[in-house]
PDB file of N, CA and C in Angstrom:
ATOM      1  N   MET A   1      72.350  81.194 109.474  1.00  0.00           N
ATOM      2  CA  MET A   1      72.743  82.591 109.544  1.00  0.00           C
ATOM      3  C   MET A   1      74.227  82.706 109.875  1.00  0.00           C
ATOM      4  N   ASP A   2      74.718  81.803 110.691  1.00  0.00           N
ATOM      5  CA  ASP A   2      76.131  81.835 111.073  1.00  0.00           C
ATOM      6  C   ASP A   2      77.031  81.584 109.864  1.00  0.00           C
ATOM      7  N   THR A   3      76.611  80.695 108.961  1.00  0.00           N
ATOM      8  CA  THR A   3      77.400  80.383 107.762  1.00  0.00           C
ATOM      9  C   THR A   3      77.478  81.606 106.851  1.00  0.00           C
ATOM     10  N   ILE A   4      76.385  82.309 106.668  1.00  0.00           N
ATOM     11  CA  ILE A   4      76.375  83.504 105.829  1.00  0.00           C
ATOM     12  C   ILE A   4      77.278  84.580 106.432  1.00  0.00           C
ATOM     13  N   LYS A   5      77.214  84.731 107.745  1.00  0.00           N
ATOM     14  CA  LYS A   5      78.048  85.705 108.433  1.00  0.00           C
ATOM     15  C   LYS A   5      79.525  85.364 108.249  1.00  0.00           C
ATOM     16  N   ARG A   6      79.878  84.082 108.351  1.00  0.00           N
ATOM     17  CA  ARG A   6      81.284  83.660 108.193  1.00  0.00           C
ATOM     18  C   ARG A   6      81.766  83.871 106.760  1.00  0.00           C
ATOM     19  N   ILE A   7      80.871  83.681 105.772  1.00  0.00           N
ATOM     20  CA  ILE A   7      81.265  83.876 104.377  1.00  0.00           C
ATOM     21  C   ILE A   7      81.535  85.353 104.102  1.00  0.00           C
ATOM     22  N   PHE A   8      80.633  86.233 104.535  1.00  0.00           N
ATOM     23  CA  PHE A   8      80.803  87.654 104.264  1.00  0.00           C
ATOM     24  C   PHE A   8      81.940  88.280 105.057  1.00  0.00           C
ATOM     25  N   LEU A   9      82.138  87.873 106.285  1.00  0.00           N
ATOM     26  CA  LEU A   9      83.216  88.436 107.099  1.00  0.00           C
ATOM     27  C   LEU A   9      84.523  87.658 106.946  1.00  0.00           C
ATOM     28  N   TRP A  10      84.467  86.521 106.305  1.00  0.00           N
ATOM     29  CA  TRP A  10      85.590  85.628 106.030  1.00  0.00           C
ATOM     30  C   TRP A  10      86.432  85.378 107.285  1.00  0.00           C
ATOM     31  N   THR A  11      85.849  84.617 108.177  1.00  0.00           N
ATOM     32  CA  THR A  11      86.511  84.304 109.445  1.00  0.00           C
ATOM     33  C   THR A  11      87.208  82.951 109.417  1.00  0.00           C
ATOM     34  N   TYR A  12      87.379  82.366 108.233  1.00  0.00           N
ATOM     35  CA  TYR A  12      88.020  81.059 108.124  1.00  0.00           C
ATOM     36  C   TYR A  12      89.539  81.181 108.294  1.00  0.00           C
ATOM     37  N   GLU A  13      90.147  80.146 108.827  1.00  0.00           N
ATOM     38  CA  GLU A  13      91.592  80.107 109.008  1.00  0.00           C
ATOM     39  C   GLU A  13      92.296  79.890 107.672  1.00  0.00           C
ATOM     40  N   ARG A  14      93.602  80.135 107.621  1.00  0.00           N
ATOM     41  CA  ARG A  14      94.355  80.020 106.371  1.00  0.00           C
ATOM     42  C   ARG A  14      94.518  78.579 105.904  1.00  0.00           C
ATOM     43  N   ASN A  15      94.541  77.621 106.761  1.00  0.00           N
ATOM     44  CA  ASN A  15      94.796  76.235 106.363  1.00  0.00           C
ATOM     45  C   ASN A  15      93.514  75.413 106.213  1.00  0.00           C
ATOM     46  N   THR A  16      92.421  76.050 105.806  1.00  0.00           N
ATOM     47  CA  THR A  16      91.164  75.339 105.619  1.00  0.00           C
ATOM     48  C   THR A  16      90.822  75.251 104.136  1.00  0.00           C
ATOM     49  N   TRP A  17      89.879  74.360 103.803  1.00  0.00           N
ATOM     50  CA  TRP A  17      89.492  74.211 102.408  1.00  0.00           C
ATOM     51  C   TRP A  17      88.763  75.458 101.905  1.00  0.00           C
ATOM     52  N   GLN A  18      88.098  76.203 102.797  1.00  0.00           N
ATOM     53  CA  GLN A  18      87.413  77.424 102.388  1.00  0.00           C
ATOM     54  C   GLN A  18      88.422  78.480 101.920  1.00  0.00           C
ATOM     55  N   TRP A  19      89.524  78.588 102.634  1.00  0.00           N
ATOM     56  CA  TRP A  19      90.579  79.534 102.264  1.00  0.00           C
ATOM     57  C   TRP A  19      91.177  79.157 100.909  1.00  0.00           C
ATOM     58  N   ASP A  20      91.436  77.889 100.721  1.00  0.00           N
ATOM     59  CA  ASP A  20      91.981  77.421  99.444  1.00  0.00           C
ATOM     60  C   ASP A  20      91.021  77.688  98.289  1.00  0.00           C
ATOM     61  N   THR A  21      89.730  77.506  98.537  1.00  0.00           N
ATOM     62  CA  THR A  21      88.724  77.780  97.504  1.00  0.00           C
ATOM     63  C   THR A  21      88.713  79.259  97.132  1.00  0.00           C
ATOM     64  N   LEU A  22      88.783  80.134  98.127  1.00  0.00           N
ATOM     65  CA  LEU A  22      88.817  81.569  97.853  1.00  0.00           C
ATOM     66  C   LEU A  22      90.046  81.930  97.023  1.00  0.00           C
ATOM     67  N   CYS A  23      91.194  81.403  97.387  1.00  0.00           N
ATOM     68  CA  CYS A  23      92.424  81.686  96.637  1.00  0.00           C
ATOM     69  C   CYS A  23      92.309  81.192  95.196  1.00  0.00           C
ATOM     70  N   ALA A  24      91.731  80.026  95.009  1.00  0.00           N
ATOM     71  CA  ALA A  24      91.551  79.492  93.652  1.00  0.00           C
ATOM     72  C   ALA A  24      90.608  80.376  92.849  1.00  0.00           C
ATOM     73  N   LEU A  25      89.536  80.854  93.462  1.00  0.00           N
ATOM     74  CA  LEU A  25      88.609  81.744  92.760  1.00  0.00           C
ATOM     75  C   LEU A  25      89.266  83.069  92.380  1.00  0.00           C
ATOM     76  N   ILE A  26      90.107  83.587  93.244  1.00  0.00           N
ATOM     77  CA  ILE A  26      90.837  84.819  92.935  1.00  0.00           C
ATOM     78  C   ILE A  26      91.772  84.603  91.753  1.00  0.00           C
ATOM     79  N   LEU A  27      92.494  83.505  91.736  1.00  0.00           N
ATOM     80  CA  LEU A  27      93.398  83.215  90.623  1.00  0.00           C
ATOM     81  C   LEU A  27      92.644  83.014  89.314  1.00  0.00           C
ATOM     82  N   VAL A  28      91.506  82.347  89.377  1.00  0.00           N
ATOM     83  CA  VAL A  28      90.690  82.162  88.169  1.00  0.00           C
ATOM     84  C   VAL A  28      90.237  83.522  87.647  1.00  0.00           C
ATOM     85  N   PHE A  29      89.818  84.403  88.537  1.00  0.00           N
ATOM     86  CA  PHE A  29      89.394  85.738  88.124  1.00  0.00           C
ATOM     87  C   PHE A  29      90.546  86.503  87.480  1.00  0.00           C
ATOM     88  N   ILE A  30      91.719  86.452  88.078  1.00  0.00           N
ATOM     89  CA  ILE A  30      92.877  87.185  87.558  1.00  0.00           C
ATOM     90  C   ILE A  30      93.271  86.698  86.171  1.00  0.00           C
ATOM     91  N   PHE A  31      93.351  85.402  85.973  1.00  0.00           N
ATOM     92  CA  PHE A  31      93.885  84.875  84.725  1.00  0.00           C
ATOM     93  C   PHE A  31      92.847  84.690  83.612  1.00  0.00           C
ATOM     94  N   LEU A  32      91.578  84.630  83.949  1.00  0.00           N
ATOM     95  CA  LEU A  32      90.565  84.397  82.917  1.00  0.00           C
ATOM     96  C   LEU A  32      89.704  85.618  82.599  1.00  0.00           C
ATOM     97  N   THR A  33      89.951  86.743  83.258  1.00  0.00           N
ATOM     98  CA  THR A  33      89.189  87.950  82.984  1.00  0.00           C
ATOM     99  C   THR A  33      89.714  88.608  81.710  1.00  0.00           C
ATOM    100  N   PRO A  34      88.847  88.947  80.757  1.00  0.00           N
ATOM    101  CA  PRO A  34      89.303  89.612  79.528  1.00  0.00           C
ATOM    102  C   PRO A  34      89.890  90.995  79.819  1.00  0.00           C
ATOM    103  N   LYS A  35      90.928  91.352  79.082  1.00  0.00           N
ATOM    104  CA  LYS A  35      91.572  92.657  79.277  1.00  0.00           C
ATOM    105  C   LYS A  35      90.622  93.802  78.961  1.00  0.00           C
ATOM    106  N   SER A  36      89.666  93.567  78.103  1.00  0.00           N
ATOM    107  CA  SER A  36      88.744  94.629  77.703  1.00  0.00           C
ATOM    108  C   SER A  36      87.882  95.117  78.877  1.00  0.00           C
ATOM    109  N   TRP A  37      87.733  94.308  79.914  1.00  0.00           N
ATOM    110  CA  TRP A  37      86.968  94.737  81.085  1.00  0.00           C
ATOM    111  C   TRP A  37      87.673  95.863  81.818  1.00  0.00           C
ATOM    112  N   PHE A  38      88.985  95.970  81.669  1.00  0.00           N
ATOM    113  CA  PHE A  38      89.765  96.937  82.417  1.00  0.00           C
ATOM    114  C   PHE A  38      90.317  98.047  81.548  1.00  0.00           C
ATOM    115  N   SER A  39      89.865  98.166  80.303  1.00  0.00           N
ATOM    116  CA  SER A  39      90.381  99.215  79.430  1.00  0.00           C
ATOM    117  C   SER A  39      89.834 100.565  79.876  1.00  0.00           C
ATOM    118  N   VAL A  40      90.650 101.591  79.698  1.00  0.00           N
ATOM    119  CA  VAL A  40      90.304 102.935  80.125  1.00  0.00           C
ATOM    120  C   VAL A  40      89.639 103.661  78.972  1.00  0.00           C
ATOM    121  N   GLY A  41      88.626 104.450  79.275  1.00  0.00           N
ATOM    122  CA  GLY A  41      87.972 105.233  78.246  1.00  0.00           C
ATOM    123  C   GLY A  41      86.504 104.919  78.162  1.00  0.00           C
ATOM    124  N   GLU A  42      85.802 105.789  77.448  1.00  0.00           N
ATOM    125  CA  GLU A  42      84.385 105.576  77.244  1.00  0.00           C
ATOM    126  C   GLU A  42      84.186 104.588  76.114  1.00  0.00           C
ATOM    127  N   ARG A  43      83.079 103.878  76.162  1.00  0.00           N
ATOM    128  CA  ARG A  43      82.777 102.900  75.117  1.00  0.00           C
ATOM    129  C   ARG A  43      81.532 103.339  74.368  1.00  0.00           C
ATOM    130  N   GLN A  44      81.536 103.056  73.078  1.00  0.00           N
ATOM    131  CA  GLN A  44      80.343 103.305  72.298  1.00  0.00           C
ATOM    132  C   GLN A  44      79.433 102.099  72.473  1.00  0.00           C
ATOM    133  N   VAL A  45      78.175 102.369  72.658  1.00  0.00           N
ATOM    134  CA  VAL A  45      77.227 101.302  72.925  1.00  0.00           C
ATOM    135  C   VAL A  45      77.116 100.398  71.703  1.00  0.00           C
ATOM    136  N   GLY A  46      77.349  99.112  71.912  1.00  0.00           N
ATOM    137  CA  GLY A  46      77.156  98.124  70.876  1.00  0.00           C
ATOM    138  C   GLY A  46      78.297  97.968  69.890  1.00  0.00           C
ATOM    139  N   LEU A  47      79.326  98.813  69.930  1.00  0.00           N
ATOM    140  CA  LEU A  47      80.397  98.708  68.954  1.00  0.00           C
ATOM    141  C   LEU A  47      81.609  97.952  69.485  1.00  0.00           C
ATOM    142  N   GLY A  48      81.788  97.923  70.794  1.00  0.00           N
ATOM    143  CA  GLY A  48      82.856  97.124  71.378  1.00  0.00           C
ATOM    144  C   GLY A  48      84.246  97.703  71.222  1.00  0.00           C
ATOM    145  N   HIS A  49      84.381  98.981  70.876  1.00  0.00           N
ATOM    146  CA  HIS A  49      85.696  99.599  70.847  1.00  0.00           C
ATOM    147  C   HIS A  49      85.602 100.984  71.464  1.00  0.00           C
ATOM    148  N   GLN A  50      86.751 101.557  71.780  1.00  0.00           N
ATOM    149  CA  GLN A  50      86.766 102.829  72.464  1.00  0.00           C
ATOM    150  C   GLN A  50      86.471 103.967  71.499  1.00  0.00           C
ATOM    151  N   SER A  51      85.771 104.952  72.013  1.00  0.00           N
ATOM    152  CA  SER A  51      85.511 106.139  71.214  1.00  0.00           C
ATOM    153  C   SER A  51      86.691 107.096  71.347  1.00  0.00           C
ATOM    154  N   PRO A  52      86.900 107.979  70.363  1.00  0.00           N
ATOM    155  CA  PRO A  52      87.997 108.919  70.456  1.00  0.00           C
ATOM    156  C   PRO A  52      87.814 109.869  71.626  1.00  0.00           C
ATOM    157  N   VAL A  53      88.899 110.284  72.223  1.00  0.00           N
ATOM    158  CA  VAL A  53      88.862 111.172  73.362  1.00  0.00           C
ATOM    159  C   VAL A  53      88.744 112.606  72.859  1.00  0.00           C
ATOM    160  N   ALA A  54      87.802 113.358  73.407  1.00  0.00           N
ATOM    161  CA  ALA A  54      87.628 114.751  73.026  1.00  0.00           C
ATOM    162  C   ALA A  54      88.377 115.635  74.009  1.00  0.00           C
ATOM    163  N   THR A  55      89.038 116.663  73.488  1.00  0.00           N
ATOM    164  CA  THR A  55      89.797 117.590  74.297  1.00  0.00           C
ATOM    165  C   THR A  55      89.438 118.995  73.857  1.00  0.00           C
ATOM    166  N   THR A  56      89.413 119.913  74.791  1.00  0.00           N
ATOM    167  CA  THR A  56      89.163 121.307  74.459  1.00  0.00           C
ATOM    168  C   THR A  56      90.458 122.089  74.635  1.00  0.00           C
ATOM    169  N   VAL A  57      90.807 122.877  73.622  1.00  0.00           N
ATOM    170  CA  VAL A  57      92.032 123.663  73.627  1.00  0.00           C
ATOM    171  C   VAL A  57      91.662 125.120  73.417  1.00  0.00           C
ATOM    172  N   PHE A  58      92.332 126.015  74.138  1.00  0.00           N
ATOM    173  CA  PHE A  58      92.124 127.449  73.928  1.00  0.00           C
ATOM    174  C   PHE A  58      93.161 127.932  72.930  1.00  0.00           C
ATOM    175  N   VAL A  59      92.683 128.588  71.880  1.00  0.00           N
ATOM    176  CA  VAL A  59      93.555 129.088  70.819  1.00  0.00           C
ATOM    177  C   VAL A  59      93.358 130.589  70.735  1.00  0.00           C
ATOM    178  N   GLY A  60      94.466 131.317  70.623  1.00  0.00           N
ATOM    179  CA  GLY A  60      94.404 132.771  70.525  1.00  0.00           C
ATOM    180  C   GLY A  60      93.702 133.223  69.257  1.00  0.00           C
ATOM    181  N   ALA A  61      93.167 134.425  69.302  1.00  0.00           N
ATOM    182  CA  ALA A  61      92.421 134.965  68.167  1.00  0.00           C
ATOM    183  C   ALA A  61      93.294 135.135  66.937  1.00  0.00           C
ATOM    184  N   GLU A  62      94.605 135.323  67.116  1.00  0.00           N
ATOM    185  CA  GLU A  62      95.497 135.508  65.971  1.00  0.00           C
ATOM    186  C   GLU A  62      95.682 134.234  65.157  1.00  0.00           C
ATOM    187  N   VAL A  63      95.434 133.073  65.756  1.00  0.00           N
ATOM    188  CA  VAL A  63      95.581 131.799  65.051  1.00  0.00           C
ATOM    189  C   VAL A  63      94.397 131.550  64.129  1.00  0.00           C
ATOM    190  N   VAL A  64      93.213 131.921  64.583  1.00  0.00           N
ATOM    191  CA  VAL A  64      92.000 131.671  63.817  1.00  0.00           C
ATOM    192  C   VAL A  64      91.626 132.950  63.076  1.00  0.00           C
ATOM    193  N   GLU A  65      91.950 132.986  61.781  1.00  0.00           N
ATOM    194  CA  GLU A  65      91.615 134.164  60.990  1.00  0.00           C
ATOM    195  C   GLU A  65      90.134 134.148  60.616  1.00  0.00           C
ATOM    196  N   LYS A  66      89.688 133.002  60.124  1.00  0.00           N
ATOM    197  CA  LYS A  66      88.278 132.828  59.791  1.00  0.00           C
ATOM    198  C   LYS A  66      87.769 131.622  60.563  1.00  0.00           C
ATOM    199  N   GLN A  67      86.689 131.804  61.262  1.00  0.00           N
ATOM    200  CA  GLN A  67      86.155 130.726  62.096  1.00  0.00           C
ATOM    201  C   GLN A  67      85.704 129.535  61.254  1.00  0.00           C
ATOM    202  N   ASP A  68      85.340 129.759  59.999  1.00  0.00           N
ATOM    203  CA  ASP A  68      84.864 128.684  59.135  1.00  0.00           C
ATOM    204  C   ASP A  68      86.003 127.915  58.469  1.00  0.00           C
ATOM    205  N   ASP A  69      87.214 128.480  58.415  1.00  0.00           N
ATOM    206  CA  ASP A  69      88.344 127.825  57.756  1.00  0.00           C
ATOM    207  C   ASP A  69      89.020 126.886  58.747  1.00  0.00           C
ATOM    208  N   LYS A  70      88.633 125.616  58.694  1.00  0.00           N
ATOM    209  CA  LYS A  70      89.141 124.647  59.667  1.00  0.00           C
ATOM    210  C   LYS A  70      90.440 123.986  59.230  1.00  0.00           C
ATOM    211  N   SER A  71      90.849 124.127  57.969  1.00  0.00           N
ATOM    212  CA  SER A  71      92.059 123.444  57.501  1.00  0.00           C
ATOM    213  C   SER A  71      93.313 124.027  58.143  1.00  0.00           C
ATOM    214  N   ILE A  72      93.405 125.363  58.223  1.00  0.00           N
ATOM    215  CA  ILE A  72      94.565 125.997  58.869  1.00  0.00           C
ATOM    216  C   ILE A  72      94.567 125.672  60.360  1.00  0.00           C
ATOM    217  N   LEU A  73      93.403 125.734  60.973  1.00  0.00           N
ATOM    218  CA  LEU A  73      93.277 125.424  62.398  1.00  0.00           C
ATOM    219  C   LEU A  73      93.636 123.969  62.671  1.00  0.00           C
ATOM    220  N   ARG A  74      93.211 123.038  61.803  1.00  0.00           N
ATOM    221  CA  ARG A  74      93.528 121.616  61.967  1.00  0.00           C
ATOM    222  C   ARG A  74      95.039 121.404  61.928  1.00  0.00           C
ATOM    223  N   THR A  75      95.724 122.050  60.975  1.00  0.00           N
ATOM    224  CA  THR A  75      97.180 121.938  60.870  1.00  0.00           C
ATOM    225  C   THR A  75      97.858 122.468  62.131  1.00  0.00           C
ATOM    226  N   HIS A  76      97.394 123.600  62.618  1.00  0.00           N
ATOM    227  CA  HIS A  76      97.971 124.190  63.827  1.00  0.00           C
ATOM    228  C   HIS A  76      97.749 123.293  65.048  1.00  0.00           C
ATOM    229  N   LEU A  77      96.537 122.737  65.174  1.00  0.00           N
ATOM    230  CA  LEU A  77      96.241 121.877  66.321  1.00  0.00           C
ATOM    231  C   LEU A  77      97.017 120.566  66.268  1.00  0.00           C
ATOM    232  N   ARG A  78      97.217 120.024  65.077  1.00  0.00           N
ATOM    233  CA  ARG A  78      98.013 118.796  64.960  1.00  0.00           C
ATOM    234  C   ARG A  78      99.453 119.046  65.373  1.00  0.00           C
ATOM    235  N   THR A  79      99.986 120.210  65.026  1.00  0.00           N
ATOM    236  CA  THR A  79     101.344 120.571  65.447  1.00  0.00           C
ATOM    237  C   THR A  79     101.390 120.799  66.952  1.00  0.00           C
ATOM    238  N   LEU A  80     100.389 121.491  67.462  1.00  0.00           N
ATOM    239  CA  LEU A  80     100.336 121.826  68.882  1.00  0.00           C
ATOM    240  C   LEU A  80     100.209 120.593  69.767  1.00  0.00           C
ATOM    241  N   THR A  81      99.334 119.661  69.388  1.00  0.00           N
ATOM    242  CA  THR A  81      99.072 118.494  70.228  1.00  0.00           C
ATOM    243  C   THR A  81      99.976 117.303  69.920  1.00  0.00           C
ATOM    244  N   GLY A  82     100.566 117.266  68.725  1.00  0.00           N
ATOM    245  CA  GLY A  82     101.381 116.126  68.338  1.00  0.00           C
ATOM    246  C   GLY A  82     100.564 114.927  67.903  1.00  0.00           C
ATOM    247  N   ARG A  83      99.271 115.110  67.717  1.00  0.00           N
ATOM    248  CA  ARG A  83      98.380 114.034  67.278  1.00  0.00           C
ATOM    249  C   ARG A  83      98.118 114.206  65.789  1.00  0.00           C
ATOM    250  N   GLU A  84      98.584 113.250  64.991  1.00  0.00           N
ATOM    251  CA  GLU A  84      98.441 113.339  63.538  1.00  0.00           C
ATOM    252  C   GLU A  84      96.999 113.174  63.071  1.00  0.00           C
ATOM    253  N   ASN A  85      96.168 112.548  63.890  1.00  0.00           N
ATOM    254  CA  ASN A  85      94.783 112.292  63.488  1.00  0.00           C
ATOM    255  C   ASN A  85      93.795 113.240  64.165  1.00  0.00           C
ATOM    256  N   ALA A  86      94.281 114.357  64.731  1.00  0.00           N
ATOM    257  CA  ALA A  86      93.409 115.301  65.421  1.00  0.00           C
ATOM    258  C   ALA A  86      92.468 115.969  64.423  1.00  0.00           C
ATOM    259  N   GLU A  87      91.192 115.993  64.761  1.00  0.00           N
ATOM    260  CA  GLU A  87      90.184 116.636  63.931  1.00  0.00           C
ATOM    261  C   GLU A  87      89.516 117.745  64.726  1.00  0.00           C
ATOM    262  N   VAL A  88      89.166 118.820  64.055  1.00  0.00           N
ATOM    263  CA  VAL A  88      88.537 119.970  64.692  1.00  0.00           C
ATOM    264  C   VAL A  88      87.060 119.683  64.897  1.00  0.00           C
ATOM    265  N   GLY A  89      86.608 119.904  66.123  1.00  0.00           N
ATOM    266  CA  GLY A  89      85.194 119.746  66.435  1.00  0.00           C
ATOM    267  C   GLY A  89      84.524 121.106  66.472  1.00  0.00           C
ATOM    268  N   ALA A  90      83.820 121.378  67.540  1.00  0.00           N
ATOM    269  CA  ALA A  90      83.113 122.652  67.692  1.00  0.00           C
ATOM    270  C   ALA A  90      84.103 123.770  68.013  1.00  0.00           C
ATOM    271  N   ILE A  91      83.803 124.951  67.517  1.00  0.00           N
ATOM    272  CA  ILE A  91      84.621 126.135  67.779  1.00  0.00           C
ATOM    273  C   ILE A  91      83.716 127.155  68.466  1.00  0.00           C
ATOM    274  N   ARG A  92      84.148 127.615  69.665  1.00  0.00           N
ATOM    275  CA  ARG A  92      83.373 128.593  70.420  1.00  0.00           C
ATOM    276  C   ARG A  92      84.204 129.844  70.650  1.00  0.00           C
ATOM    277  N   LYS A  93      83.634 130.983  70.346  1.00  0.00           N
ATOM    278  CA  LYS A  93      84.328 132.260  70.506  1.00  0.00           C
ATOM    279  C   LYS A  93      84.353 132.629  71.987  1.00  0.00           C
ATOM    280  N   VAL A  94      85.507 133.130  72.469  1.00  0.00           N
ATOM    281  CA  VAL A  94      85.652 133.601  73.846  1.00  0.00           C
ATOM    282  C   VAL A  94      85.842 135.109  73.782  1.00  0.00           C
ATOM    283  N   VAL A  95      84.961 135.841  74.457  1.00  0.00           N
ATOM    284  CA  VAL A  95      85.036 137.302  74.443  1.00  0.00           C
ATOM    285  C   VAL A  95      85.270 137.814  75.858  1.00  0.00           C
ATOM    286  N   ASP A  96      85.876 139.013  75.940  1.00  0.00           N
ATOM    287  CA  ASP A  96      86.092 139.628  77.247  1.00  0.00           C
ATOM    288  C   ASP A  96      84.866 140.449  77.633  1.00  0.00           C
ATOM    289  N   LYS A  97      84.967 141.222  78.721  1.00  0.00           N
ATOM    290  CA  LYS A  97      83.828 141.986  79.225  1.00  0.00           C
ATOM    291  C   LYS A  97      83.361 143.053  78.243  1.00  0.00           C
ATOM    292  N   GLU A  98      84.286 143.522  77.422  1.00  0.00           N
ATOM    293  CA  GLU A  98      83.946 144.590  76.472  1.00  0.00           C
ATOM    294  C   GLU A  98      83.427 144.046  75.145  1.00  0.00           C
ATOM    295  N   GLY A  99      83.386 142.725  74.980  1.00  0.00           N
ATOM    296  CA  GLY A  99      82.896 142.127  73.755  1.00  0.00           C
ATOM    297  C   GLY A  99      83.974 141.879  72.714  1.00  0.00           C
ATOM    298  N   LYS A 100      85.233 142.116  73.073  1.00  0.00           N
ATOM    299  CA  LYS A 100      86.351 141.897  72.151  1.00  0.00           C
ATOM    300  C   LYS A 100      86.722 140.406  72.152  1.00  0.00           C
ATOM    301  N   THR A 101      86.989 139.869  70.968  1.00  0.00           N
ATOM    302  CA  THR A 101      87.351 138.450  70.855  1.00  0.00           C
ATOM    303  C   THR A 101      88.748 138.230  71.420  1.00  0.00           C
ATOM    304  N   VAL A 102      88.826 137.363  72.442  1.00  0.00           N
ATOM    305  CA  VAL A 102      90.105 137.043  73.082  1.00  0.00           C
ATOM    306  C   VAL A 102      90.724 135.816  72.432  1.00  0.00           C
ATOM    307  N   GLY A 103      89.892 134.863  72.061  1.00  0.00           N
ATOM    308  CA  GLY A 103      90.371 133.623  71.457  1.00  0.00           C
ATOM    309  C   GLY A 103      89.198 132.705  71.186  1.00  0.00           C
ATOM    310  N   TYR A 104      89.542 131.430  70.984  1.00  0.00           N
ATOM    311  CA  TYR A 104      88.529 130.435  70.667  1.00  0.00           C
ATOM    312  C   TYR A 104      88.782 129.169  71.470  1.00  0.00           C
ATOM    313  N   GLN A 105      87.700 128.547  71.916  1.00  0.00           N
ATOM    314  CA  GLN A 105      87.783 127.213  72.496  1.00  0.00           C
ATOM    315  C   GLN A 105      87.476 126.230  71.374  1.00  0.00           C
ATOM    316  N   VAL A 106      88.421 125.315  71.129  1.00  0.00           N
ATOM    317  CA  VAL A 106      88.279 124.372  70.026  1.00  0.00           C
ATOM    318  C   VAL A 106      88.244 122.973  70.584  1.00  0.00           C
ATOM    319  N   ASP A 107      87.227 122.205  70.222  1.00  0.00           N
ATOM    320  CA  ASP A 107      87.145 120.792  70.602  1.00  0.00           C
ATOM    321  C   ASP A 107      87.940 119.977  69.613  1.00  0.00           C
ATOM    322  N   ILE A 108      88.793 119.089  70.122  1.00  0.00           N
ATOM    323  CA  ILE A 108      89.604 118.218  69.276  1.00  0.00           C
ATOM    324  C   ILE A 108      89.101 116.798  69.477  1.00  0.00           C
ATOM    325  N   ARG A 109      88.882 116.085  68.367  1.00  0.00           N
ATOM    326  CA  ARG A 109      88.459 114.695  68.437  1.00  0.00           C
ATOM    327  C   ARG A 109      89.588 113.818  67.958  1.00  0.00           C
TER     328      ARG A 109
END
């Protein structure tokens, strides 16, 4: 029990073989760990690459003339975000208390 306690609390001195072993294990972890373990973003199951990041943008009602016409909206969003590969996802109408259309929430993929 004392050995387990010493391992978990790491009460070994710096000039012991246990300390040297710990340092070697840390270095092995640092240099041999794949970079993909530390990549940021969500992963698609089984595909091994990152999925595109979805963003929601509020667009004024004057920009969206027809909710079904996504080509004009796509051009506007690409200019707005600076992302050449931005694609329009779901479009949700935003209305005020009186039922008047204020704008649209647009998902960008």
